[in-house]
Amino acid sequence: MSDSEILREGAAVRWPAVFAVAGLVRSVWRTAGRGCPCSSWSTSGGDLRIPHFVGIHAIQALPLIAGLAALARRYPVQSSDLVRRRLVRTAVVGYAGVLALVTWQALRRQSIGRPDFWTLSAAAALIVVVAVGAALSLRSPRVLALTEF
């Protein structure tokens, strides 16, 4: 590979990064003092960029959760494939609940930093549902094992 080809490939990587950083700086500069410093999310009303952020990062978070569950085989309570599958499903339900919650909050033109009573109640209910789901997921796949001896 010649030097000119290496320079062209470097430019192909460098210029999109420069444009991305310039866009970030422009958005932060444009909304300076009116939103969150790094994300420029609105602090005064609903912002649909927040549910978009949460939803798009499900692409990264859910496979990570599944991978961590696969690594958890060494713990006796999670040695069963069924238990790990239940835990991943519970995490998916919890993530979908968080996505629904922030979408509902944004559609009601409510700031992410100042939730009202109903948003906090829904968040508390979601926490309870996920905790109960996790507790039920950790049950042994063989319920009859206690009566067999």
Protein backbone atom coordinates (compact mmCIF):
# COMPACT_ATOMS: atom_id res chain seq x y z
CA MET A 1 0.00 0.00 0.00
CA SER A 2 1.45 3.35 -1.01
CA ASP A 3 1.70 6.43 1.18
CA SER A 4 -1.00 8.25 -0.78
CA GLU A 5 -3.43 5.35 -0.28
CA ILE A 6 -2.75 5.36 3.46
CA LEU A 7 -3.38 9.11 3.58
CA ARG A 8 -6.65 8.73 1.67
CA GLU A 9 -7.84 6.02 4.05
CA GLY A 10 -6.87 8.16 7.03
CA ALA A 11 -8.88 11.06 5.59
CA ALA A 12 -11.86 8.76 5.10
CA VAL A 13 -11.85 8.11 8.84
CA ARG A 14 -10.78 11.57 9.97
CA TRP A 15 -13.33 13.77 8.16
CA PRO A 16 -16.51 12.05 9.45
CA ALA A 17 -15.10 12.33 12.97
CA VAL A 18 -14.39 16.04 12.45
CA PHE A 19 -17.95 16.61 11.22
CA ALA A 20 -19.41 14.68 14.15
CA VAL A 21 -17.45 16.72 16.68
CA ALA A 22 -18.35 19.95 14.88
CA GLY A 23 -22.03 19.02 15.00
CA LEU A 24 -21.81 18.25 18.71
CA VAL A 25 -20.03 21.55 19.42
CA ARG A 26 -22.59 23.44 17.35
CA SER A 27 -25.54 21.86 19.15
CA VAL A 28 -24.03 22.52 22.57
CA TRP A 29 -23.10 26.09 21.63
CA ARG A 30 -26.51 26.77 20.09
CA THR A 31 -28.41 25.68 23.20
CA ALA A 32 -25.93 26.96 25.78
CA GLY A 33 -27.72 27.66 29.02
CA ARG A 34 -31.04 26.24 27.80
CA GLY A 35 -30.47 22.54 28.22
CA CYS A 36 -28.21 19.81 29.48
CA PRO A 37 -24.59 20.78 28.72
CA CYS A 38 -23.46 17.72 26.74
CA SER A 39 -26.67 16.46 25.18
CA SER A 40 -28.60 19.75 24.84
CA TRP A 41 -31.74 17.95 25.98
CA SER A 42 -34.41 20.36 27.09
CA THR A 43 -34.61 20.99 30.83
CA SER A 44 -37.84 22.95 30.58
CA GLY A 45 -40.16 20.59 28.69
CA GLY A 46 -40.54 17.27 26.97
CA ASP A 47 -37.82 16.22 24.57
CA LEU A 48 -38.27 13.20 22.29
CA ARG A 49 -34.50 12.86 21.88
CA ILE A 50 -34.40 11.20 25.30
CA PRO A 51 -36.60 8.21 24.36
CA HIS A 52 -34.72 8.01 21.07
CA PHE A 53 -31.46 7.80 23.02
CA VAL A 54 -32.86 5.12 25.35
CA GLY A 55 -34.36 3.12 22.49
CA ILE A 56 -31.32 3.22 20.23
CA HIS A 57 -29.04 2.11 23.05
CA ALA A 58 -31.15 -1.00 23.54
CA ILE A 59 -29.14 -2.32 20.60
CA GLN A 60 -26.10 -2.26 22.89
CA ALA A 61 -27.60 -2.82 26.33
CA LEU A 62 -29.72 -5.91 25.70
CA PRO A 63 -27.01 -8.04 24.03
CA LEU A 64 -24.67 -6.98 26.85
CA ILE A 65 -27.21 -8.18 29.41
CA ALA A 66 -27.61 -11.47 27.55
CA GLY A 67 -23.84 -11.90 27.39
CA LEU A 68 -23.47 -11.24 31.10
CA ALA A 69 -26.21 -13.76 31.79
CA ALA A 70 -24.31 -16.34 29.73
CA LEU A 71 -21.20 -15.67 31.81
CA ALA A 72 -23.16 -16.17 35.04
CA ARG A 73 -23.24 -19.97 34.69
CA ARG A 74 -20.65 -20.32 37.43
CA TYR A 75 -23.15 -19.18 40.07
CA PRO A 76 -25.31 -22.08 41.27
CA VAL A 77 -28.56 -20.14 41.21
CA GLN A 78 -27.99 -19.18 37.57
CA SER A 79 -26.61 -22.48 36.34
CA SER A 80 -29.82 -23.34 34.51
CA ASP A 81 -30.42 -22.02 31.00
CA LEU A 82 -34.07 -21.50 31.92
CA VAL A 83 -33.21 -19.19 34.84
CA ARG A 84 -30.83 -17.12 32.72
CA ARG A 85 -33.40 -16.88 29.93
CA ARG A 86 -36.02 -15.69 32.43
CA LEU A 87 -33.64 -13.04 33.78
CA VAL A 88 -32.88 -11.73 30.29
CA ARG A 89 -36.60 -11.56 29.53
CA THR A 90 -37.15 -9.66 32.76
CA ALA A 91 -34.41 -7.21 31.77
CA VAL A 92 -36.03 -6.74 28.35
CA VAL A 93 -39.39 -6.00 29.99
CA GLY A 94 -37.69 -3.54 32.35
CA TYR A 95 -35.88 -1.81 29.49
CA ALA A 96 -39.09 -1.58 27.48
CA GLY A 97 -40.78 -0.12 30.57
CA VAL A 98 -38.09 2.55 30.92
CA LEU A 99 -38.46 3.38 27.22
CA ALA A 100 -42.24 3.65 27.58
CA LEU A 101 -41.84 5.78 30.70
CA VAL A 102 -39.48 8.34 29.16
CA THR A 103 -41.60 8.46 25.98
CA TRP A 104 -44.75 9.08 28.03
CA GLN A 105 -42.93 11.75 30.00
CA ALA A 106 -41.69 13.50 26.84
CA LEU A 107 -45.10 13.38 25.16
CA ARG A 108 -46.59 15.10 28.21
CA ARG A 109 -44.00 17.90 27.72
CA GLN A 110 -42.35 17.14 31.02
CA SER A 111 -38.68 17.67 31.75
CA ILE A 112 -36.57 14.59 32.46
CA GLY A 113 -35.15 16.38 35.49
CA ARG A 114 -38.49 17.32 37.05
CA PRO A 115 -40.85 14.34 36.99
CA ASP A 116 -44.31 14.75 38.47
CA PHE A 117 -46.14 12.44 40.88
CA TRP A 118 -47.53 10.18 38.14
CA THR A 119 -44.16 9.70 36.49
CA LEU A 120 -42.55 8.85 39.82
CA SER A 121 -45.41 6.47 40.60
CA ALA A 122 -45.00 4.74 37.24
CA ALA A 123 -41.24 4.48 37.82
CA ALA A 124 -41.83 2.95 41.28
CA ALA A 125 -44.31 0.48 39.79
CA LEU A 126 -41.79 -0.45 37.09
CA ILE A 127 -39.12 -1.07 39.73
CA VAL A 128 -41.51 -3.33 41.66
CA VAL A 129 -42.48 -5.26 38.50
CA VAL A 130 -38.83 -5.82 37.54
CA ALA A 131 -37.87 -6.83 41.11
CA VAL A 132 -40.74 -9.33 41.32
CA GLY A 133 -39.89 -10.61 37.85
CA ALA A 134 -36.25 -11.10 38.84
CA ALA A 135 -37.25 -12.89 42.04
CA LEU A 136 -39.62 -15.18 40.13
CA SER A 137 -36.94 -15.75 37.48
CA LEU A 138 -34.48 -17.01 40.08
CA ARG A 139 -36.80 -19.80 41.16
CA SER A 140 -35.45 -23.24 40.56
CA PRO A 141 -36.61 -24.76 37.28
CA ARG A 142 -37.48 -27.92 39.19
CA VAL A 143 -40.07 -27.02 41.82
CA LEU A 144 -40.57 -30.68 42.80
CA ALA A 145 -36.96 -31.06 43.91
CA LEU A 146 -37.86 -30.31 47.57
CA THR A 147 -40.45 -33.10 47.73
CA GLU A 148 -38.37 -35.78 46.05
CA PHE A 149 -36.11 -36.65 48.99
